[in-house]
N, C-alpha and C. Protein backbone atom coordinates (compact mmCIF):
# COMPACT_ATOMS: atom_id res chain seq x y z
N MET A 1 21.16 -10.90 -9.61
CA MET A 1 20.08 -10.77 -8.63
C MET A 1 18.75 -10.56 -9.34
N ASP A 2 17.72 -11.05 -8.72
CA ASP A 2 16.36 -10.93 -9.25
C ASP A 2 15.65 -9.82 -8.49
N TYR A 3 15.36 -8.73 -9.15
CA TYR A 3 14.74 -7.58 -8.50
C TYR A 3 13.28 -7.40 -8.91
N ARG A 4 12.63 -8.49 -9.37
CA ARG A 4 11.26 -8.34 -9.84
C ARG A 4 10.31 -7.85 -8.76
N LEU A 5 10.40 -8.38 -7.56
CA LEU A 5 9.49 -7.95 -6.49
C LEU A 5 9.75 -6.48 -6.15
N SER A 6 11.00 -6.12 -6.03
CA SER A 6 11.36 -4.73 -5.77
C SER A 6 10.78 -3.82 -6.85
N ASN A 7 10.97 -4.20 -8.09
CA ASN A 7 10.49 -3.39 -9.20
C ASN A 7 8.97 -3.29 -9.24
N ARG A 8 8.29 -4.35 -8.89
CA ARG A 8 6.82 -4.29 -8.85
C ARG A 8 6.36 -3.29 -7.80
N PHE A 9 6.96 -3.35 -6.62
CA PHE A 9 6.61 -2.38 -5.58
C PHE A 9 6.94 -0.95 -6.02
N LEU A 10 8.11 -0.74 -6.62
CA LEU A 10 8.50 0.60 -7.04
C LEU A 10 7.59 1.14 -8.14
N ARG A 11 7.19 0.29 -9.07
CA ARG A 11 6.28 0.72 -10.14
C ARG A 11 4.91 1.08 -9.56
N LEU A 12 4.43 0.27 -8.64
CA LEU A 12 3.16 0.61 -7.99
C LEU A 12 3.29 1.92 -7.22
N ALA A 13 4.41 2.11 -6.55
CA ALA A 13 4.62 3.33 -5.76
C ALA A 13 4.48 4.57 -6.63
N VAL A 14 5.13 4.58 -7.79
CA VAL A 14 5.05 5.78 -8.62
C VAL A 14 3.66 5.96 -9.22
N LEU A 15 2.96 4.86 -9.48
CA LEU A 15 1.58 4.98 -9.97
C LEU A 15 0.68 5.57 -8.88
N PHE A 16 0.85 5.10 -7.65
CA PHE A 16 0.06 5.66 -6.55
C PHE A 16 0.44 7.11 -6.29
N ALA A 17 1.71 7.46 -6.46
CA ALA A 17 2.11 8.87 -6.31
C ALA A 17 1.39 9.73 -7.34
N LEU A 18 1.33 9.26 -8.56
CA LEU A 18 0.65 9.99 -9.62
C LEU A 18 -0.85 10.13 -9.31
N ILE A 19 -1.46 9.05 -8.85
CA ILE A 19 -2.88 9.08 -8.49
C ILE A 19 -3.12 10.05 -7.33
N GLY A 20 -2.29 9.94 -6.30
CA GLY A 20 -2.43 10.82 -5.14
C GLY A 20 -2.23 12.29 -5.49
N MET A 21 -1.22 12.56 -6.29
CA MET A 21 -0.98 13.94 -6.69
C MET A 21 -2.09 14.45 -7.61
N GLY A 22 -2.56 13.58 -8.49
CA GLY A 22 -3.67 13.96 -9.36
C GLY A 22 -4.91 14.30 -8.55
N LEU A 23 -5.19 13.50 -7.54
CA LEU A 23 -6.34 13.77 -6.67
C LEU A 23 -6.13 15.09 -5.93
N GLY A 24 -4.93 15.32 -5.43
CA GLY A 24 -4.63 16.57 -4.75
C GLY A 24 -4.77 17.77 -5.68
N TYR A 25 -4.30 17.62 -6.89
CA TYR A 25 -4.44 18.68 -7.89
C TYR A 25 -5.90 18.99 -8.16
N TRP A 26 -6.69 17.94 -8.36
CA TRP A 26 -8.13 18.12 -8.60
C TRP A 26 -8.80 18.80 -7.40
N MET A 27 -8.48 18.36 -6.20
CA MET A 27 -9.09 18.97 -5.02
C MET A 27 -8.73 20.46 -4.94
N GLY A 28 -7.49 20.80 -5.20
CA GLY A 28 -7.09 22.20 -5.17
C GLY A 28 -7.76 23.03 -6.24
N ALA A 29 -7.85 22.46 -7.44
CA ALA A 29 -8.45 23.20 -8.55
C ALA A 29 -9.94 23.43 -8.35
N THR A 30 -10.61 22.48 -7.74
CA THR A 30 -12.06 22.59 -7.56
C THR A 30 -12.44 23.12 -6.19
N GLU A 31 -11.43 23.24 -5.31
CA GLU A 31 -11.66 23.64 -3.92
C GLU A 31 -12.67 22.73 -3.22
N GLN A 32 -12.61 21.46 -3.57
CA GLN A 32 -13.42 20.43 -2.92
C GLN A 32 -12.47 19.48 -2.20
N PHE A 33 -12.44 19.58 -0.88
CA PHE A 33 -11.43 18.87 -0.10
C PHE A 33 -11.98 17.72 0.73
N ALA A 34 -13.18 17.27 0.41
CA ALA A 34 -13.78 16.19 1.18
C ALA A 34 -12.98 14.89 1.06
N ALA A 35 -12.26 14.73 -0.02
CA ALA A 35 -11.49 13.51 -0.24
C ALA A 35 -10.06 13.62 0.30
N SER A 36 -9.78 14.61 1.12
CA SER A 36 -8.43 14.77 1.67
C SER A 36 -7.89 13.52 2.37
N PRO A 37 -8.71 12.80 3.15
CA PRO A 37 -8.19 11.57 3.76
C PRO A 37 -7.79 10.51 2.73
N VAL A 38 -8.52 10.45 1.62
CA VAL A 38 -8.16 9.49 0.55
C VAL A 38 -6.82 9.90 -0.06
N HIS A 39 -6.68 11.18 -0.34
CA HIS A 39 -5.43 11.73 -0.88
C HIS A 39 -4.25 11.39 0.05
N ALA A 40 -4.43 11.63 1.33
CA ALA A 40 -3.36 11.37 2.30
C ALA A 40 -3.02 9.88 2.38
N HIS A 41 -4.03 9.03 2.39
CA HIS A 41 -3.78 7.59 2.48
C HIS A 41 -3.13 7.04 1.20
N ILE A 42 -3.56 7.53 0.05
CA ILE A 42 -2.94 7.08 -1.20
C ILE A 42 -1.47 7.48 -1.21
N ASN A 43 -1.17 8.70 -0.77
CA ASN A 43 0.22 9.13 -0.77
C ASN A 43 1.06 8.38 0.26
N LEU A 44 0.52 8.15 1.44
CA LEU A 44 1.30 7.48 2.47
C LEU A 44 1.38 5.97 2.24
N LEU A 45 0.24 5.33 2.09
CA LEU A 45 0.25 3.87 1.94
C LEU A 45 0.63 3.43 0.53
N GLY A 46 0.20 4.19 -0.45
CA GLY A 46 0.49 3.81 -1.83
C GLY A 46 1.86 4.24 -2.28
N TRP A 47 2.17 5.51 -2.14
CA TRP A 47 3.46 6.03 -2.61
C TRP A 47 4.58 5.69 -1.64
N VAL A 48 4.48 6.15 -0.40
CA VAL A 48 5.60 6.02 0.53
C VAL A 48 5.83 4.57 0.95
N SER A 49 4.78 3.89 1.41
CA SER A 49 4.98 2.51 1.88
C SER A 49 5.44 1.59 0.76
N MET A 50 4.78 1.68 -0.39
CA MET A 50 5.19 0.80 -1.51
C MET A 50 6.62 1.10 -1.94
N ALA A 51 7.01 2.38 -1.95
CA ALA A 51 8.38 2.72 -2.32
C ALA A 51 9.37 2.16 -1.31
N LEU A 52 9.04 2.28 -0.02
CA LEU A 52 9.94 1.74 1.01
C LEU A 52 10.02 0.22 0.92
N TYR A 53 8.90 -0.44 0.65
CA TYR A 53 8.94 -1.89 0.45
C TYR A 53 9.90 -2.22 -0.70
N GLY A 54 9.71 -1.52 -1.82
CA GLY A 54 10.53 -1.78 -2.99
C GLY A 54 12.01 -1.53 -2.73
N LEU A 55 12.32 -0.45 -2.04
CA LEU A 55 13.72 -0.15 -1.74
C LEU A 55 14.32 -1.18 -0.79
N PHE A 56 13.53 -1.65 0.18
CA PHE A 56 14.02 -2.69 1.08
C PHE A 56 14.39 -3.94 0.29
N TYR A 57 13.48 -4.37 -0.59
CA TYR A 57 13.75 -5.58 -1.37
C TYR A 57 14.91 -5.37 -2.35
N GLN A 58 15.16 -4.14 -2.75
CA GLN A 58 16.31 -3.83 -3.60
C GLN A 58 17.61 -4.00 -2.81
N VAL A 59 17.61 -3.53 -1.58
CA VAL A 59 18.81 -3.59 -0.73
C VAL A 59 19.01 -5.00 -0.17
N GLN A 60 17.93 -5.70 0.09
CA GLN A 60 17.97 -7.06 0.65
C GLN A 60 17.31 -8.03 -0.33
N PRO A 61 17.91 -8.29 -1.48
CA PRO A 61 17.23 -9.11 -2.49
C PRO A 61 16.92 -10.53 -2.01
N GLY A 62 17.68 -11.04 -1.08
CA GLY A 62 17.39 -12.37 -0.54
C GLY A 62 16.07 -12.41 0.22
N ALA A 63 15.65 -11.27 0.73
CA ALA A 63 14.39 -11.20 1.47
C ALA A 63 13.18 -11.36 0.55
N ALA A 64 13.38 -11.21 -0.74
CA ALA A 64 12.28 -11.30 -1.71
C ALA A 64 12.00 -12.74 -2.14
N LEU A 65 12.76 -13.69 -1.63
CA LEU A 65 12.61 -15.08 -2.05
C LEU A 65 11.54 -15.79 -1.23
N GLY A 66 10.78 -16.65 -1.89
CA GLY A 66 9.80 -17.47 -1.21
C GLY A 66 8.38 -16.94 -1.33
N TRP A 67 7.49 -17.63 -0.68
CA TRP A 67 6.06 -17.29 -0.79
C TRP A 67 5.67 -16.11 0.08
N LEU A 68 6.36 -15.88 1.20
CA LEU A 68 5.95 -14.80 2.11
C LEU A 68 6.07 -13.41 1.47
N PRO A 69 7.18 -13.09 0.80
CA PRO A 69 7.26 -11.78 0.15
C PRO A 69 6.23 -11.62 -0.98
N GLN A 70 5.96 -12.71 -1.69
CA GLN A 70 4.93 -12.64 -2.74
C GLN A 70 3.55 -12.37 -2.13
N THR A 71 3.29 -13.02 -1.01
CA THR A 71 2.04 -12.79 -0.28
C THR A 71 1.98 -11.35 0.21
N HIS A 72 3.10 -10.85 0.70
CA HIS A 72 3.18 -9.46 1.14
C HIS A 72 2.78 -8.51 0.01
N PHE A 73 3.30 -8.75 -1.18
CA PHE A 73 2.96 -7.90 -2.32
C PHE A 73 1.46 -7.89 -2.59
N TRP A 74 0.88 -9.06 -2.71
CA TRP A 74 -0.53 -9.14 -3.09
C TRP A 74 -1.46 -8.64 -1.99
N VAL A 75 -1.13 -8.93 -0.74
CA VAL A 75 -1.96 -8.44 0.37
C VAL A 75 -1.88 -6.90 0.43
N SER A 76 -0.69 -6.35 0.21
CA SER A 76 -0.52 -4.88 0.19
C SER A 76 -1.37 -4.26 -0.91
N LEU A 77 -1.25 -4.81 -2.10
CA LEU A 77 -1.97 -4.26 -3.25
C LEU A 77 -3.48 -4.39 -3.10
N VAL A 78 -3.94 -5.58 -2.78
CA VAL A 78 -5.38 -5.80 -2.66
C VAL A 78 -5.97 -4.97 -1.52
N GLY A 79 -5.25 -4.89 -0.41
CA GLY A 79 -5.73 -4.09 0.71
C GLY A 79 -5.94 -2.64 0.32
N LEU A 80 -4.96 -2.07 -0.38
CA LEU A 80 -5.07 -0.67 -0.77
C LEU A 80 -6.14 -0.45 -1.83
N VAL A 81 -6.26 -1.39 -2.76
CA VAL A 81 -7.25 -1.26 -3.82
C VAL A 81 -8.68 -1.38 -3.27
N ILE A 82 -8.85 -2.07 -2.18
CA ILE A 82 -10.17 -2.12 -1.52
C ILE A 82 -10.36 -0.90 -0.62
N PHE A 83 -9.33 -0.56 0.14
CA PHE A 83 -9.39 0.50 1.14
C PHE A 83 -9.71 1.86 0.53
N MET A 84 -9.00 2.27 -0.53
CA MET A 84 -9.14 3.63 -1.05
C MET A 84 -10.52 3.91 -1.65
N PRO A 85 -11.05 3.05 -2.51
CA PRO A 85 -12.40 3.32 -3.00
C PRO A 85 -13.46 3.27 -1.89
N ALA A 86 -13.26 2.40 -0.91
CA ALA A 86 -14.21 2.32 0.20
C ALA A 86 -14.19 3.61 1.01
N LEU A 87 -13.01 4.14 1.25
CA LEU A 87 -12.90 5.40 1.99
C LEU A 87 -13.51 6.54 1.18
N ALA A 88 -13.25 6.56 -0.12
CA ALA A 88 -13.86 7.59 -0.97
C ALA A 88 -15.37 7.48 -0.96
N ALA A 89 -15.90 6.25 -1.04
CA ALA A 89 -17.35 6.05 -1.02
C ALA A 89 -17.94 6.49 0.31
N LYS A 90 -17.25 6.20 1.39
CA LYS A 90 -17.72 6.60 2.72
C LYS A 90 -17.79 8.12 2.83
N LEU A 91 -16.80 8.80 2.33
CA LEU A 91 -16.72 10.25 2.45
C LEU A 91 -17.60 10.99 1.44
N LEU A 92 -17.72 10.43 0.24
CA LEU A 92 -18.37 11.16 -0.85
C LEU A 92 -19.68 10.56 -1.31
N GLY A 93 -19.92 9.29 -0.97
CA GLY A 93 -21.07 8.59 -1.51
C GLY A 93 -22.35 8.85 -0.72
N GLY A 94 -23.42 8.51 -1.37
CA GLY A 94 -24.71 8.64 -0.73
C GLY A 94 -25.03 7.45 0.15
N ALA A 95 -26.24 7.46 0.68
CA ALA A 95 -26.68 6.41 1.59
C ALA A 95 -26.68 5.04 0.93
N ASP A 96 -26.85 5.00 -0.39
CA ASP A 96 -26.93 3.73 -1.10
C ASP A 96 -25.60 2.98 -1.15
N VAL A 97 -24.48 3.64 -0.92
CA VAL A 97 -23.18 2.97 -0.98
C VAL A 97 -22.53 2.78 0.38
N GLN A 98 -23.18 3.23 1.43
CA GLN A 98 -22.55 3.19 2.75
C GLN A 98 -22.31 1.78 3.26
N ALA A 99 -23.21 0.85 3.00
CA ALA A 99 -23.01 -0.53 3.46
C ALA A 99 -21.78 -1.14 2.79
N ALA A 100 -21.65 -0.95 1.48
CA ALA A 100 -20.48 -1.47 0.77
C ALA A 100 -19.21 -0.76 1.24
N ALA A 101 -19.32 0.55 1.48
CA ALA A 101 -18.16 1.30 1.97
C ALA A 101 -17.72 0.78 3.33
N ASN A 102 -18.68 0.52 4.20
CA ASN A 102 -18.34 0.00 5.53
C ASN A 102 -17.66 -1.35 5.45
N LEU A 103 -18.13 -2.22 4.55
CA LEU A 103 -17.49 -3.52 4.37
C LEU A 103 -16.06 -3.33 3.86
N GLY A 104 -15.90 -2.47 2.87
CA GLY A 104 -14.56 -2.19 2.36
C GLY A 104 -13.65 -1.59 3.40
N LEU A 105 -14.24 -0.82 4.32
CA LEU A 105 -13.44 -0.21 5.39
C LEU A 105 -13.13 -1.18 6.52
N MET A 106 -13.71 -2.36 6.47
CA MET A 106 -13.29 -3.42 7.38
C MET A 106 -12.22 -4.28 6.71
N VAL A 107 -12.44 -4.63 5.45
CA VAL A 107 -11.54 -5.54 4.74
C VAL A 107 -10.24 -4.85 4.34
N GLY A 108 -10.34 -3.69 3.70
CA GLY A 108 -9.15 -3.00 3.18
C GLY A 108 -8.12 -2.67 4.25
N PRO A 109 -8.51 -1.97 5.31
CA PRO A 109 -7.52 -1.67 6.35
C PRO A 109 -6.97 -2.91 7.05
N THR A 110 -7.81 -3.94 7.18
CA THR A 110 -7.33 -5.18 7.79
C THR A 110 -6.23 -5.81 6.94
N LEU A 111 -6.43 -5.85 5.63
CA LEU A 111 -5.41 -6.38 4.73
C LEU A 111 -4.16 -5.49 4.74
N THR A 112 -4.36 -4.19 4.80
CA THR A 112 -3.23 -3.26 4.84
C THR A 112 -2.40 -3.46 6.11
N LEU A 113 -3.07 -3.63 7.23
CA LEU A 113 -2.36 -3.91 8.47
C LEU A 113 -1.66 -5.27 8.40
N LEU A 114 -2.34 -6.27 7.86
CA LEU A 114 -1.74 -7.59 7.71
C LEU A 114 -0.50 -7.51 6.82
N SER A 115 -0.54 -6.69 5.78
CA SER A 115 0.64 -6.57 4.92
C SER A 115 1.83 -6.00 5.70
N MET A 116 1.57 -5.10 6.63
CA MET A 116 2.66 -4.57 7.45
C MET A 116 3.17 -5.63 8.42
N VAL A 117 2.28 -6.44 8.97
CA VAL A 117 2.72 -7.54 9.83
C VAL A 117 3.63 -8.48 9.04
N LEU A 118 3.24 -8.81 7.82
CA LEU A 118 4.09 -9.66 6.97
C LEU A 118 5.44 -9.00 6.72
N PHE A 119 5.41 -7.70 6.47
CA PHE A 119 6.66 -6.98 6.21
C PHE A 119 7.56 -6.98 7.45
N VAL A 120 6.99 -6.83 8.62
CA VAL A 120 7.77 -6.88 9.86
C VAL A 120 8.47 -8.24 9.96
N ILE A 121 7.74 -9.30 9.70
CA ILE A 121 8.33 -10.65 9.76
C ILE A 121 9.47 -10.77 8.76
N ILE A 122 9.24 -10.28 7.54
CA ILE A 122 10.25 -10.36 6.48
C ILE A 122 11.49 -9.56 6.86
N VAL A 123 11.31 -8.35 7.36
CA VAL A 123 12.45 -7.51 7.75
C VAL A 123 13.23 -8.16 8.89
N PHE A 124 12.53 -8.66 9.90
CA PHE A 124 13.23 -9.29 11.02
C PHE A 124 13.98 -10.54 10.58
N ARG A 125 13.40 -11.31 9.67
CA ARG A 125 14.11 -12.48 9.15
C ARG A 125 15.37 -12.07 8.40
N ALA A 126 15.23 -11.04 7.57
CA ALA A 126 16.35 -10.63 6.71
C ALA A 126 17.45 -9.91 7.47
N THR A 127 17.12 -9.33 8.61
CA THR A 127 18.12 -8.53 9.33
C THR A 127 18.49 -9.13 10.68
N GLY A 128 18.01 -10.32 10.95
CA GLY A 128 18.29 -10.97 12.22
C GLY A 128 19.72 -11.52 12.30
N PRO A 129 20.06 -12.07 13.46
CA PRO A 129 21.43 -12.56 13.67
C PRO A 129 21.88 -13.62 12.67
N ARG A 130 20.97 -14.52 12.30
CA ARG A 130 21.36 -15.58 11.36
C ARG A 130 21.71 -15.02 10.00
N SER A 131 20.95 -14.01 9.54
CA SER A 131 21.24 -13.44 8.23
C SER A 131 22.56 -12.68 8.24
N ALA A 132 22.91 -12.06 9.37
CA ALA A 132 24.18 -11.32 9.46
C ALA A 132 25.37 -12.26 9.47
N ALA A 133 25.19 -13.46 10.03
CA ALA A 133 26.29 -14.43 10.12
C ALA A 133 26.56 -15.11 8.78
N ALA A 134 25.58 -15.12 7.91
CA ALA A 134 25.72 -15.85 6.62
C ALA A 134 26.63 -15.16 5.65
């Protein structure tokens, strides 16, 4: 079996967990909690969602075949990489970065939601009646 897609998601998940925990550690040490929403989103969307994606593809390796799962990976990653800095800029940045932050907060969450739509399609395909009969 080819577990490359699963492994990519799992590796990203642990990197996002480290980033999220590092941010949480920094916030606690400095008692500066303005970035709490960024911390929460990195942990939920980066650590938990990416880990669940990876585990799903590990259990259902056939679901990782084709262009749709590859698109799911890249849309998930790009969405989060745009979303998190934009949210941080919105919360912590000055007036000079707000326009860019607002743009990122339109694009990043849209891609993140689209990645979940793709995942729903992939899960339903992999667990539907035809896949069970095969």
